[in-house]
PDB file of N, CA and C in Angstrom:
ATOM      1  N   MET A   1      -7.075  18.564 -32.551  1.00  0.00           N
ATOM      2  CA  MET A   1      -8.291  17.938 -32.083  1.00  0.00           C
ATOM      3  C   MET A   1      -9.270  19.045 -31.695  1.00  0.00           C
ATOM      4  N   ASN A   2     -10.503  18.876 -32.064  1.00  0.00           N
ATOM      5  CA  ASN A   2     -11.508  19.866 -31.687  1.00  0.00           C
ATOM      6  C   ASN A   2     -12.576  19.224 -30.823  1.00  0.00           C
ATOM      7  N   THR A   3     -13.564  20.032 -30.413  1.00  0.00           N
ATOM      8  CA  THR A   3     -14.586  19.509 -29.501  1.00  0.00           C
ATOM      9  C   THR A   3     -15.466  18.466 -30.164  1.00  0.00           C
ATOM     10  N   ALA A   4     -15.510  18.430 -31.484  1.00  0.00           N
ATOM     11  CA  ALA A   4     -16.320  17.426 -32.172  1.00  0.00           C
ATOM     12  C   ALA A   4     -15.670  16.043 -32.091  1.00  0.00           C
ATOM     13  N   THR A   5     -14.345  15.981 -32.044  1.00  0.00           N
ATOM     14  CA  THR A   5     -13.670  14.684 -32.006  1.00  0.00           C
ATOM     15  C   THR A   5     -13.207  14.281 -30.611  1.00  0.00           C
ATOM     16  N   HIS A   6     -13.195  15.209 -29.696  1.00  0.00           N
ATOM     17  CA  HIS A   6     -12.726  14.921 -28.344  1.00  0.00           C
ATOM     18  C   HIS A   6     -13.794  15.368 -27.336  1.00  0.00           C
ATOM     19  N   PRO A   7     -14.591  14.442 -26.828  1.00  0.00           N
ATOM     20  CA  PRO A   7     -15.647  14.844 -25.887  1.00  0.00           C
ATOM     21  C   PRO A   7     -15.051  15.392 -24.596  1.00  0.00           C
ATOM     22  N   ARG A   8     -15.699  16.382 -24.075  1.00  0.00           N
ATOM     23  CA  ARG A   8     -15.251  17.014 -22.841  1.00  0.00           C
ATOM     24  C   ARG A   8     -15.725  16.205 -21.635  1.00  0.00           C
ATOM     25  N   ILE A   9     -14.863  16.006 -20.687  1.00  0.00           N
ATOM     26  CA  ILE A   9     -15.235  15.321 -19.447  1.00  0.00           C
ATOM     27  C   ILE A   9     -15.740  16.376 -18.487  1.00  0.00           C
ATOM     28  N   THR A  10     -16.937  16.213 -18.039  1.00  0.00           N
ATOM     29  CA  THR A  10     -17.537  17.190 -17.134  1.00  0.00           C
ATOM     30  C   THR A  10     -17.476  16.692 -15.703  1.00  0.00           C
ATOM     31  N   ALA A  11     -17.719  17.603 -14.779  1.00  0.00           N
ATOM     32  CA  ALA A  11     -17.744  17.226 -13.363  1.00  0.00           C
ATOM     33  C   ALA A  11     -18.838  16.202 -13.109  1.00  0.00           C
ATOM     34  N   THR A  12     -19.951  16.332 -13.813  1.00  0.00           N
ATOM     35  CA  THR A  12     -21.057  15.400 -13.621  1.00  0.00           C
ATOM     36  C   THR A  12     -20.659  13.990 -14.033  1.00  0.00           C
ATOM     37  N   SER A  13     -19.950  13.852 -15.148  1.00  0.00           N
ATOM     38  CA  SER A  13     -19.562  12.514 -15.582  1.00  0.00           C
ATOM     39  C   SER A  13     -18.525  11.910 -14.631  1.00  0.00           C
ATOM     40  N   ARG A  14     -17.630  12.735 -14.084  1.00  0.00           N
ATOM     41  CA  ARG A  14     -16.675  12.228 -13.101  1.00  0.00           C
ATOM     42  C   ARG A  14     -17.398  11.788 -11.841  1.00  0.00           C
ATOM     43  N   GLN A  15     -18.395  12.563 -11.397  1.00  0.00           N
ATOM     44  CA  GLN A  15     -19.147  12.184 -10.196  1.00  0.00           C
ATOM     45  C   GLN A  15     -19.900  10.882 -10.434  1.00  0.00           C
ATOM     46  N   ALA A  16     -20.438  10.720 -11.623  1.00  0.00           N
ATOM     47  CA  ALA A  16     -21.152   9.480 -11.933  1.00  0.00           C
ATOM     48  C   ALA A  16     -20.192   8.306 -11.895  1.00  0.00           C
ATOM     49  N   GLY A  17     -18.967   8.512 -12.381  1.00  0.00           N
ATOM     50  CA  GLY A  17     -17.965   7.445 -12.334  1.00  0.00           C
ATOM     51  C   GLY A  17     -17.624   7.052 -10.911  1.00  0.00           C
ATOM     52  N   TRP A  18     -17.473   8.035 -10.040  1.00  0.00           N
ATOM     53  CA  TRP A  18     -17.181   7.747  -8.630  1.00  0.00           C
ATOM     54  C   TRP A  18     -18.366   7.052  -7.970  1.00  0.00           C
ATOM     55  N   ALA A  19     -19.560   7.492  -8.310  1.00  0.00           N
ATOM     56  CA  ALA A  19     -20.753   6.868  -7.726  1.00  0.00           C
ATOM     57  C   ALA A  19     -20.848   5.402  -8.154  1.00  0.00           C
ATOM     58  N   ASP A  20     -20.548   5.119  -9.415  1.00  0.00           N
ATOM     59  CA  ASP A  20     -20.569   3.731  -9.886  1.00  0.00           C
ATOM     60  C   ASP A  20     -19.518   2.890  -9.170  1.00  0.00           C
ATOM     61  N   LEU A  21     -18.328   3.445  -9.021  1.00  0.00           N
ATOM     62  CA  LEU A  21     -17.257   2.730  -8.325  1.00  0.00           C
ATOM     63  C   LEU A  21     -17.645   2.446  -6.876  1.00  0.00           C
ATOM     64  N   LEU A  22     -18.173   3.448  -6.199  1.00  0.00           N
ATOM     65  CA  LEU A  22     -18.590   3.263  -4.809  1.00  0.00           C
ATOM     66  C   LEU A  22     -19.699   2.223  -4.705  1.00  0.00           C
ATOM     67  N   ALA A  23     -20.649   2.253  -5.628  1.00  0.00           N
ATOM     68  CA  ALA A  23     -21.732   1.271  -5.614  1.00  0.00           C
ATOM     69  C   ALA A  23     -21.187  -0.143  -5.790  1.00  0.00           C
ATOM     70  N   LYS A  24     -20.186  -0.308  -6.663  1.00  0.00           N
ATOM     71  CA  LYS A  24     -19.587  -1.624  -6.868  1.00  0.00           C
ATOM     72  C   LYS A  24     -18.853  -2.098  -5.616  1.00  0.00           C
ATOM     73  N   ILE A  25     -18.146  -1.184  -4.953  1.00  0.00           N
ATOM     74  CA  ILE A  25     -17.416  -1.547  -3.732  1.00  0.00           C
ATOM     75  C   ILE A  25     -18.385  -1.971  -2.641  1.00  0.00           C
ATOM     76  N   VAL A  26     -19.444  -1.195  -2.453  1.00  0.00           N
ATOM     77  CA  VAL A  26     -20.429  -1.513  -1.411  1.00  0.00           C
ATOM     78  C   VAL A  26     -21.117  -2.841  -1.718  1.00  0.00           C
ATOM     79  N   ASP A  27     -21.469  -3.063  -2.986  1.00  0.00           N
ATOM     80  CA  ASP A  27     -22.122  -4.309  -3.355  1.00  0.00           C
ATOM     81  C   ASP A  27     -21.199  -5.499  -3.127  1.00  0.00           C
ATOM     82  N   SER A  28     -19.941  -5.342  -3.487  1.00  0.00           N
ATOM     83  CA  SER A  28     -18.969  -6.407  -3.273  1.00  0.00           C
ATOM     84  C   SER A  28     -18.804  -6.712  -1.783  1.00  0.00           C
ATOM     85  N   ALA A  29     -18.725  -5.672  -0.977  1.00  0.00           N
ATOM     86  CA  ALA A  29     -18.580  -5.864   0.466  1.00  0.00           C
ATOM     87  C   ALA A  29     -19.808  -6.557   1.043  1.00  0.00           C
ATOM     88  N   ARG A  30     -20.979  -6.147   0.582  1.00  0.00           N
ATOM     89  CA  ARG A  30     -22.214  -6.760   1.066  1.00  0.00           C
ATOM     90  C   ARG A  30     -22.238  -8.244   0.722  1.00  0.00           C
ATOM     91  N   GLN A  31     -21.847  -8.576  -0.514  1.00  0.00           N
ATOM     92  CA  GLN A  31     -21.838  -9.974  -0.931  1.00  0.00           C
ATOM     93  C   GLN A  31     -20.835 -10.792  -0.119  1.00  0.00           C
ATOM     94  N   ARG A  32     -19.670 -10.222   0.143  1.00  0.00           N
ATOM     95  CA  ARG A  32     -18.657 -10.951   0.933  1.00  0.00           C
ATOM     96  C   ARG A  32     -19.122 -11.141   2.371  1.00  0.00           C
ATOM     97  N   ALA A  33     -19.743 -10.114   2.942  1.00  0.00           N
ATOM     98  CA  ALA A  33     -20.236 -10.225   4.319  1.00  0.00           C
ATOM     99  C   ALA A  33     -21.348 -11.268   4.403  1.00  0.00           C
ATOM    100  N   LEU A  34     -22.257 -11.253   3.439  1.00  0.00           N
ATOM    101  CA  LEU A  34     -23.327 -12.254   3.432  1.00  0.00           C
ATOM    102  C   LEU A  34     -22.756 -13.660   3.266  1.00  0.00           C
ATOM    103  N   ALA A  35     -21.737 -13.791   2.444  1.00  0.00           N
ATOM    104  CA  ALA A  35     -21.120 -15.105   2.250  1.00  0.00           C
ATOM    105  C   ALA A  35     -20.492 -15.614   3.543  1.00  0.00           C
ATOM    106  N   LEU A  36     -19.908 -14.707   4.316  1.00  0.00           N
ATOM    107  CA  LEU A  36     -19.308 -15.117   5.585  1.00  0.00           C
ATOM    108  C   LEU A  36     -20.354 -15.644   6.553  1.00  0.00           C
ATOM    109  N   TRP A  37     -21.508 -14.992   6.594  1.00  0.00           N
ATOM    110  CA  TRP A  37     -22.537 -15.383   7.551  1.00  0.00           C
ATOM    111  C   TRP A  37     -23.495 -16.425   7.011  1.00  0.00           C
ATOM    112  N   SER A  38     -23.468 -16.699   5.718  1.00  0.00           N
ATOM    113  CA  SER A  38     -24.420 -17.649   5.161  1.00  0.00           C
ATOM    114  C   SER A  38     -23.982 -19.095   5.362  1.00  0.00           C
ATOM    115  N   THR A  39     -22.717 -19.319   5.656  1.00  0.00           N
ATOM    116  CA  THR A  39     -22.266 -20.682   5.893  1.00  0.00           C
ATOM    117  C   THR A  39     -22.822 -21.152   7.229  1.00  0.00           C
ATOM    118  N   GLU A  40     -23.513 -22.260   7.181  1.00  0.00           N
ATOM    119  CA  GLU A  40     -24.134 -22.767   8.402  1.00  0.00           C
ATOM    120  C   GLU A  40     -23.088 -23.497   9.234  1.00  0.00           C
ATOM    121  N   SER A  41     -23.109 -23.219  10.514  1.00  0.00           N
ATOM    122  CA  SER A  41     -22.192 -23.927  11.407  1.00  0.00           C
ATOM    123  C   SER A  41     -22.920 -25.101  12.041  1.00  0.00           C
ATOM    124  N   ALA A  42     -22.162 -26.028  12.510  1.00  0.00           N
ATOM    125  CA  ALA A  42     -22.734 -27.214  13.150  1.00  0.00           C
ATOM    126  C   ALA A  42     -23.419 -26.817  14.455  1.00  0.00           C
ATOM    127  N   PRO A  43     -24.440 -27.582  14.875  1.00  0.00           N
ATOM    128  CA  PRO A  43     -25.078 -27.282  16.156  1.00  0.00           C
ATOM    129  C   PRO A  43     -24.058 -27.315  17.289  1.00  0.00           C
ATOM    130  N   GLY A  44     -24.274 -26.495  18.288  1.00  0.00           N
ATOM    131  CA  GLY A  44     -23.348 -26.429  19.401  1.00  0.00           C
ATOM    132  C   GLY A  44     -22.075 -25.698  19.020  1.00  0.00           C
ATOM    133  N   THR A  45     -22.230 -24.562  18.388  1.00  0.00           N
ATOM    134  CA  THR A  45     -21.070 -23.781  17.960  1.00  0.00           C
ATOM    135  C   THR A  45     -20.140 -23.552  19.137  1.00  0.00           C
ATOM    136  N   THR A  46     -18.872 -23.809  18.916  1.00  0.00           N
ATOM    137  CA  THR A  46     -17.893 -23.632  19.985  1.00  0.00           C
ATOM    138  C   THR A  46     -17.374 -22.209  19.998  1.00  0.00           C
ATOM    139  N   ASP A  47     -16.712 -21.860  21.095  1.00  0.00           N
ATOM    140  CA  ASP A  47     -16.139 -20.529  21.218  1.00  0.00           C
ATOM    141  C   ASP A  47     -15.129 -20.252  20.113  1.00  0.00           C
ATOM    142  N   SER A  48     -14.346 -21.266  19.761  1.00  0.00           N
ATOM    143  CA  SER A  48     -13.301 -21.038  18.768  1.00  0.00           C
ATOM    144  C   SER A  48     -13.886 -20.741  17.392  1.00  0.00           C
ATOM    145  N   SER A  49     -15.019 -21.374  17.028  1.00  0.00           N
ATOM    146  CA  SER A  49     -15.583 -21.100  15.712  1.00  0.00           C
ATOM    147  C   SER A  49     -16.161 -19.691  15.650  1.00  0.00           C
ATOM    148  N   ALA A  50     -16.731 -19.202  16.752  1.00  0.00           N
ATOM    149  CA  ALA A  50     -17.227 -17.823  16.784  1.00  0.00           C
ATOM    150  C   ALA A  50     -16.062 -16.852  16.643  1.00  0.00           C
ATOM    151  N   ALA A  51     -14.948 -17.184  17.265  1.00  0.00           N
ATOM    152  CA  ALA A  51     -13.763 -16.332  17.159  1.00  0.00           C
ATOM    153  C   ALA A  51     -13.207 -16.359  15.742  1.00  0.00           C
ATOM    154  N   VAL A  52     -13.217 -17.529  15.109  1.00  0.00           N
ATOM    155  CA  VAL A  52     -12.735 -17.646  13.731  1.00  0.00           C
ATOM    156  C   VAL A  52     -13.611 -16.823  12.798  1.00  0.00           C
ATOM    157  N   GLU A  53     -14.934 -16.935  12.961  1.00  0.00           N
ATOM    158  CA  GLU A  53     -15.850 -16.155  12.128  1.00  0.00           C
ATOM    159  C   GLU A  53     -15.644 -14.668  12.342  1.00  0.00           C
ATOM    160  N   ALA A  54     -15.492 -14.252  13.593  1.00  0.00           N
ATOM    161  CA  ALA A  54     -15.285 -12.833  13.893  1.00  0.00           C
ATOM    162  C   ALA A  54     -13.970 -12.340  13.288  1.00  0.00           C
ATOM    163  N   ASN A  55     -12.948 -13.167  13.331  1.00  0.00           N
ATOM    164  CA  ASN A  55     -11.665 -12.771  12.732  1.00  0.00           C
ATOM    165  C   ASN A  55     -11.750 -12.649  11.222  1.00  0.00           C
ATOM    166  N   ARG A  56     -12.558 -13.486  10.589  1.00  0.00           N
ATOM    167  CA  ARG A  56     -12.758 -13.356   9.141  1.00  0.00           C
ATOM    168  C   ARG A  56     -13.400 -12.016   8.808  1.00  0.00           C
ATOM    169  N   VAL A  57     -14.375 -11.640   9.604  1.00  0.00           N
ATOM    170  CA  VAL A  57     -15.040 -10.352   9.371  1.00  0.00           C
ATOM    171  C   VAL A  57     -14.071  -9.201   9.649  1.00  0.00           C
ATOM    172  N   ARG A  58     -13.249  -9.340  10.661  1.00  0.00           N
ATOM    173  CA  ARG A  58     -12.239  -8.299  10.937  1.00  0.00           C
ATOM    174  C   ARG A  58     -11.245  -8.170   9.775  1.00  0.00           C
ATOM    175  N   ASN A  59     -10.857  -9.309   9.187  1.00  0.00           N
ATOM    176  CA  ASN A  59      -9.970  -9.258   8.021  1.00  0.00           C
ATOM    177  C   ASN A  59     -10.648  -8.553   6.853  1.00  0.00           C
ATOM    178  N   LEU A  60     -11.924  -8.821   6.659  1.00  0.00           N
ATOM    179  CA  LEU A  60     -12.684  -8.128   5.630  1.00  0.00           C
ATOM    180  C   LEU A  60     -12.716  -6.624   5.914  1.00  0.00           C
ATOM    181  N   ALA A  61     -12.914  -6.271   7.169  1.00  0.00           N
ATOM    182  CA  ALA A  61     -12.938  -4.854   7.556  1.00  0.00           C
ATOM    183  C   ALA A  61     -11.608  -4.185   7.257  1.00  0.00           C
ATOM    184  N   MET A  62     -10.517  -4.884   7.494  1.00  0.00           N
ATOM    185  CA  MET A  62      -9.202  -4.319   7.189  1.00  0.00           C
ATOM    186  C   MET A  62      -9.055  -4.052   5.692  1.00  0.00           C
ATOM    187  N   ASP A  63      -9.636  -4.923   4.865  1.00  0.00           N
ATOM    188  CA  ASP A  63      -9.588  -4.723   3.414  1.00  0.00           C
ATOM    189  C   ASP A  63     -10.293  -3.430   3.008  1.00  0.00           C
ATOM    190  N   TYR A  64     -11.362  -3.080   3.712  1.00  0.00           N
ATOM    191  CA  TYR A  64     -12.165  -1.910   3.353  1.00  0.00           C
ATOM    192  C   TYR A  64     -11.789  -0.645   4.123  1.00  0.00           C
ATOM    193  N   MET A  65     -10.857  -0.750   5.056  1.00  0.00           N
ATOM    194  CA  MET A  65     -10.500   0.391   5.896  1.00  0.00           C
ATOM    195  C   MET A  65     -10.051   1.597   5.071  1.00  0.00           C
ATOM    196  N   ARG A  66      -9.267   1.364   4.058  1.00  0.00           N
ATOM    197  CA  ARG A  66      -8.722   2.474   3.267  1.00  0.00           C
ATOM    198  C   ARG A  66      -9.787   3.152   2.413  1.00  0.00           C
ATOM    199  N   HIS A  67     -10.682   2.360   1.835  1.00  0.00           N
ATOM    200  CA  HIS A  67     -11.654   2.906   0.888  1.00  0.00           C
ATOM    201  C   HIS A  67     -12.951   3.370   1.532  1.00  0.00           C
ATOM    202  N   ASP A  68     -13.360   2.691   2.598  1.00  0.00           N
ATOM    203  CA  ASP A  68     -14.624   3.045   3.247  1.00  0.00           C
ATOM    204  C   ASP A  68     -14.509   2.795   4.751  1.00  0.00           C
ATOM    205  N   PRO A  69     -13.896   3.743   5.477  1.00  0.00           N
ATOM    206  CA  PRO A  69     -13.650   3.522   6.906  1.00  0.00           C
ATOM    207  C   PRO A  69     -14.926   3.363   7.728  1.00  0.00           C
ATOM    208  N   ARG A  70     -16.009   4.009   7.312  1.00  0.00           N
ATOM    209  CA  ARG A  70     -17.256   3.858   8.082  1.00  0.00           C
ATOM    210  C   ARG A  70     -17.807   2.442   7.956  1.00  0.00           C
ATOM    211  N   PHE A  71     -17.771   1.893   6.747  1.00  0.00           N
ATOM    212  CA  PHE A  71     -18.226   0.519   6.561  1.00  0.00           C
ATOM    213  C   PHE A  71     -17.323  -0.442   7.324  1.00  0.00           C
ATOM    214  N   ALA A  72     -16.025  -0.178   7.296  1.00  0.00           N
ATOM    215  CA  ALA A  72     -15.080  -1.017   8.040  1.00  0.00           C
ATOM    216  C   ALA A  72     -15.391  -0.979   9.535  1.00  0.00           C
ATOM    217  N   ALA A  73     -15.714   0.203  10.055  1.00  0.00           N
ATOM    218  CA  ALA A  73     -16.061   0.317  11.477  1.00  0.00           C
ATOM    219  C   ALA A  73     -17.316  -0.492  11.791  1.00  0.00           C
ATOM    220  N   ASP A  74     -18.278  -0.490  10.872  1.00  0.00           N
ATOM    221  CA  ASP A  74     -19.486  -1.299  11.068  1.00  0.00           C
ATOM    222  C   ASP A  74     -19.144  -2.788  11.099  1.00  0.00           C
ATOM    223  N   LEU A  75     -18.238  -3.202  10.224  1.00  0.00           N
ATOM    224  CA  LEU A  75     -17.831  -4.610  10.219  1.00  0.00           C
ATOM    225  C   LEU A  75     -17.107  -4.993  11.505  1.00  0.00           C
ATOM    226  N   PHE A  76     -16.228  -4.098  11.999  1.00  0.00           N
ATOM    227  CA  PHE A  76     -15.549  -4.375  13.275  1.00  0.00           C
ATOM    228  C   PHE A  76     -16.571  -4.516  14.404  1.00  0.00           C
ATOM    229  N   ALA A  77     -17.563  -3.637  14.429  1.00  0.00           N
ATOM    230  CA  ALA A  77     -18.591  -3.700  15.472  1.00  0.00           C
ATOM    231  C   ALA A  77     -19.399  -4.992  15.356  1.00  0.00           C
ATOM    232  N   ALA A  78     -19.722  -5.384  14.125  1.00  0.00           N
ATOM    233  CA  ALA A  78     -20.478  -6.622  13.918  1.00  0.00           C
ATOM    234  C   ALA A  78     -19.666  -7.831  14.374  1.00  0.00           C
ATOM    235  N   ALA A  79     -18.375  -7.821  14.105  1.00  0.00           N
ATOM    236  CA  ALA A  79     -17.520  -8.934  14.529  1.00  0.00           C
ATOM    237  C   ALA A  79     -17.463  -9.014  16.053  1.00  0.00           C
ATOM    238  N   ASP A  80     -17.327  -7.878  16.704  1.00  0.00           N
ATOM    239  CA  ASP A  80     -17.298  -7.862  18.172  1.00  0.00           C
ATOM    240  C   ASP A  80     -18.611  -8.369  18.749  1.00  0.00           C
ATOM    241  N   ARG A  81     -19.716  -7.908  18.166  1.00  0.00           N
ATOM    242  CA  ARG A  81     -21.029  -8.339  18.659  1.00  0.00           C
ATOM    243  C   ARG A  81     -21.210  -9.840  18.456  1.00  0.00           C
ATOM    244  N   HIS A  82     -20.822 -10.342  17.301  1.00  0.00           N
ATOM    245  CA  HIS A  82     -20.943 -11.769  17.016  1.00  0.00           C
ATOM    246  C   HIS A  82     -20.134 -12.593  18.015  1.00  0.00           C
ATOM    247  N   GLU A  83     -18.938 -12.124  18.296  1.00  0.00           N
ATOM    248  CA  GLU A  83     -18.079 -12.830  19.238  1.00  0.00           C
ATOM    249  C   GLU A  83     -18.662 -12.805  20.641  1.00  0.00           C
ATOM    250  N   GLU A  84     -19.234 -11.676  21.024  1.00  0.00           N
ATOM    251  CA  GLU A  84     -19.854 -11.576  22.363  1.00  0.00           C
ATOM    252  C   GLU A  84     -21.079 -12.486  22.483  1.00  0.00           C
ATOM    253  N   LEU A  85     -21.898 -12.535  21.429  1.00  0.00           N
ATOM    254  CA  LEU A  85     -23.129 -13.320  21.489  1.00  0.00           C
ATOM    255  C   LEU A  85     -22.891 -14.829  21.361  1.00  0.00           C
ATOM    256  N   HIS A  86     -21.917 -15.215  20.545  1.00  0.00           N
ATOM    257  CA  HIS A  86     -21.748 -16.628  20.211  1.00  0.00           C
ATOM    258  C   HIS A  86     -20.442 -17.247  20.681  1.00  0.00           C
ATOM    259  N   GLY A  87     -19.639 -16.487  21.369  1.00  0.00           N
ATOM    260  CA  GLY A  87     -18.350 -17.024  21.790  1.00  0.00           C
ATOM    261  C   GLY A  87     -18.000 -16.600  23.196  1.00  0.00           C
ATOM    262  N   ARG A  88     -16.752 -16.732  23.479  1.00  0.00           N
ATOM    263  CA  ARG A  88     -16.143 -16.372  24.769  1.00  0.00           C
ATOM    264  C   ARG A  88     -16.779 -17.099  25.877  1.00  0.00           C
TER     265      ARG A  88
END
């Protein structure tokens, strides 16, 4: 095999691949987070529903902990804030 039949993989193409993967992960996380908060709750939200919503976001954060710990930390903080504002 020579260079005419086997294209060389460069550092730039690998970086572009990682950037695309990261963009897909972030977009997926954003869509899932928006889906969690886009469901309208009934008037007079109870403490338990705020806790349930916060736990869903915490579960989402656990899914992203390995791949994007900073985003996961943001989700944990958002869940805590949501629970403080709308529950307990």
